[in-house]
Amino acid sequence: MTKKTKALLYNLICFAVLFFLVRYLAVHYTHLTGFWIPLTAFIVGTILAPKFQAVTTANGEKLFMKWIFLKGVKEINF
């Protein structure tokens, strides 16, 4: 599996987990109804999910992550 595929899967998994968590919390703990529930979950999931990216460097392809809760860009070594 290439690093680009891993980055895409990590982005999808992190977003999906946050989306369903926020959707569940919005249904049970807010008075939102209709399309506002998934819209809220989408916006919050998009903002809070870490972003993964594969970059080709002189040493080969590397996977990097950026997240609002961490300072700077971190290299992922898997």
C-alpha atoms as a PDB file:
ATOM      1  CA  MET A   1       0.000   0.000   0.000  1.00  0.00           C
ATOM      2  CA  THR A   2       1.444   3.349  -0.992  1.00  0.00           C
ATOM      3  CA  LYS A   3       1.780   6.318   1.341  1.00  0.00           C
ATOM      4  CA  LYS A   4      -0.811   8.272  -0.666  1.00  0.00           C
ATOM      5  CA  THR A   5      -3.343   5.490  -0.135  1.00  0.00           C
ATOM      6  CA  LYS A   6      -2.535   5.398   3.577  1.00  0.00           C
ATOM      7  CA  ALA A   7      -2.994   9.167   3.820  1.00  0.00           C
ATOM      8  CA  LEU A   8      -6.375   8.940   2.112  1.00  0.00           C
ATOM      9  CA  LEU A   9      -7.522   6.111   4.385  1.00  0.00           C
ATOM     10  CA  TYR A  10      -6.306   7.881   7.534  1.00  0.00           C
ATOM     11  CA  ASN A  11      -8.142  11.063   6.480  1.00  0.00           C
ATOM     12  CA  LEU A  12     -11.325   9.091   5.829  1.00  0.00           C
ATOM     13  CA  ILE A  13     -11.175   7.087   9.060  1.00  0.00           C
ATOM     14  CA  CYS A  14     -10.452  10.100  11.271  1.00  0.00           C
ATOM     15  CA  PHE A  15     -13.213  12.145   9.659  1.00  0.00           C
ATOM     16  CA  ALA A  16     -15.718   9.272   9.868  1.00  0.00           C
ATOM     17  CA  VAL A  17     -15.034   8.637  13.558  1.00  0.00           C
ATOM     18  CA  LEU A  18     -15.439  12.303  14.421  1.00  0.00           C
ATOM     19  CA  PHE A  19     -18.499  12.674  12.178  1.00  0.00           C
ATOM     20  CA  PHE A  20     -20.382   9.798  13.814  1.00  0.00           C
ATOM     21  CA  LEU A  21     -19.307  10.839  17.313  1.00  0.00           C
ATOM     22  CA  VAL A  22     -20.484  14.428  16.823  1.00  0.00           C
ATOM     23  CA  ARG A  23     -23.665  13.249  15.102  1.00  0.00           C
ATOM     24  CA  TYR A  24     -24.477  10.962  18.044  1.00  0.00           C
ATOM     25  CA  LEU A  25     -23.781  13.734  20.553  1.00  0.00           C
ATOM     26  CA  ALA A  26     -25.846  16.243  18.559  1.00  0.00           C
ATOM     27  CA  VAL A  27     -28.827  13.889  18.419  1.00  0.00           C
ATOM     28  CA  HIS A  28     -28.787  13.122  22.123  1.00  0.00           C
ATOM     29  CA  TYR A  29     -27.633  16.392  23.693  1.00  0.00           C
ATOM     30  CA  THR A  30     -28.911  19.221  21.469  1.00  0.00           C
ATOM     31  CA  HIS A  31     -32.267  20.332  20.130  1.00  0.00           C
ATOM     32  CA  LEU A  32     -31.120  20.239  16.506  1.00  0.00           C
ATOM     33  CA  THR A  33     -33.474  18.614  14.005  1.00  0.00           C
ATOM     34  CA  GLY A  34     -33.512  17.717  10.332  1.00  0.00           C
ATOM     35  CA  PHE A  35     -30.511  18.405   8.146  1.00  0.00           C
ATOM     36  CA  TRP A  36     -28.843  20.514  10.883  1.00  0.00           C
ATOM     37  CA  ILE A  37     -27.611  17.367  12.658  1.00  0.00           C
ATOM     38  CA  PRO A  38     -25.477  15.968   9.795  1.00  0.00           C
ATOM     39  CA  LEU A  39     -24.473  19.473   8.701  1.00  0.00           C
ATOM     40  CA  THR A  40     -23.162  20.259  12.182  1.00  0.00           C
ATOM     41  CA  ALA A  41     -21.383  16.896  12.358  1.00  0.00           C
ATOM     42  CA  PHE A  42     -19.800  17.501   8.934  1.00  0.00           C
ATOM     43  CA  ILE A  43     -18.492  20.956   9.836  1.00  0.00           C
ATOM     44  CA  VAL A  44     -17.140  19.908  13.231  1.00  0.00           C
ATOM     45  CA  GLY A  45     -15.621  16.717  11.791  1.00  0.00           C
ATOM     46  CA  THR A  46     -13.926  18.652   9.004  1.00  0.00           C
ATOM     47  CA  ILE A  47     -12.425  21.170  11.415  1.00  0.00           C
ATOM     48  CA  LEU A  48     -11.314  18.722  14.126  1.00  0.00           C
ATOM     49  CA  ALA A  49     -10.018  15.833  12.001  1.00  0.00           C
ATOM     50  CA  PRO A  50      -6.259  15.635  11.516  1.00  0.00           C
ATOM     51  CA  LYS A  51      -5.014  16.087   7.955  1.00  0.00           C
ATOM     52  CA  PHE A  52      -2.620  13.498   6.498  1.00  0.00           C
ATOM     53  CA  GLN A  53      -0.513  14.011   3.376  1.00  0.00           C
ATOM     54  CA  ALA A  54       2.099  11.957   1.521  1.00  0.00           C
ATOM     55  CA  VAL A  55       5.068  13.985   0.269  1.00  0.00           C
ATOM     56  CA  THR A  56       7.902  12.856  -1.971  1.00  0.00           C
ATOM     57  CA  THR A  57      11.235  13.985  -0.512  1.00  0.00           C
ATOM     58  CA  ALA A  58      14.866  13.324  -1.375  1.00  0.00           C
ATOM     59  CA  ASN A  59      14.782  10.341   1.026  1.00  0.00           C
ATOM     60  CA  GLY A  60      11.646   8.842  -0.521  1.00  0.00           C
ATOM     61  CA  GLU A  61       7.953   9.226   0.139  1.00  0.00           C
ATOM     62  CA  LYS A  62       6.977  10.281   3.669  1.00  0.00           C
ATOM     63  CA  LEU A  63       3.681  10.674   5.480  1.00  0.00           C
ATOM     64  CA  PHE A  64       2.962  13.885   7.401  1.00  0.00           C
ATOM     65  CA  MET A  65       0.134  14.924   9.715  1.00  0.00           C
ATOM     66  CA  LYS A  66      -1.179  18.345  10.711  1.00  0.00           C
ATOM     67  CA  TRP A  67      -3.736  18.800  13.484  1.00  0.00           C
ATOM     68  CA  ILE A  68      -5.107  21.873  15.228  1.00  0.00           C
ATOM     69  CA  PHE A  69      -4.259  20.369  18.631  1.00  0.00           C
ATOM     70  CA  LEU A  70      -0.581  19.819  17.766  1.00  0.00           C
ATOM     71  CA  LYS A  71       1.914  22.516  16.926  1.00  0.00           C
ATOM     72  CA  GLY A  72       3.457  22.237  13.486  1.00  0.00           C
ATOM     73  CA  VAL A  73       3.606  19.299  11.098  1.00  0.00           C
ATOM     74  CA  LYS A  74       4.557  15.857  12.387  1.00  0.00           C
ATOM     75  CA  GLU A  75       6.119  13.029  10.382  1.00  0.00           C
ATOM     76  CA  ILE A  76       4.335   9.691  10.728  1.00  0.00           C
ATOM     77  CA  ASN A  77       6.654   6.667  10.800  1.00  0.00           C
ATOM     78  CA  PHE A  78       4.727   3.467  10.099  1.00  0.00           C
END
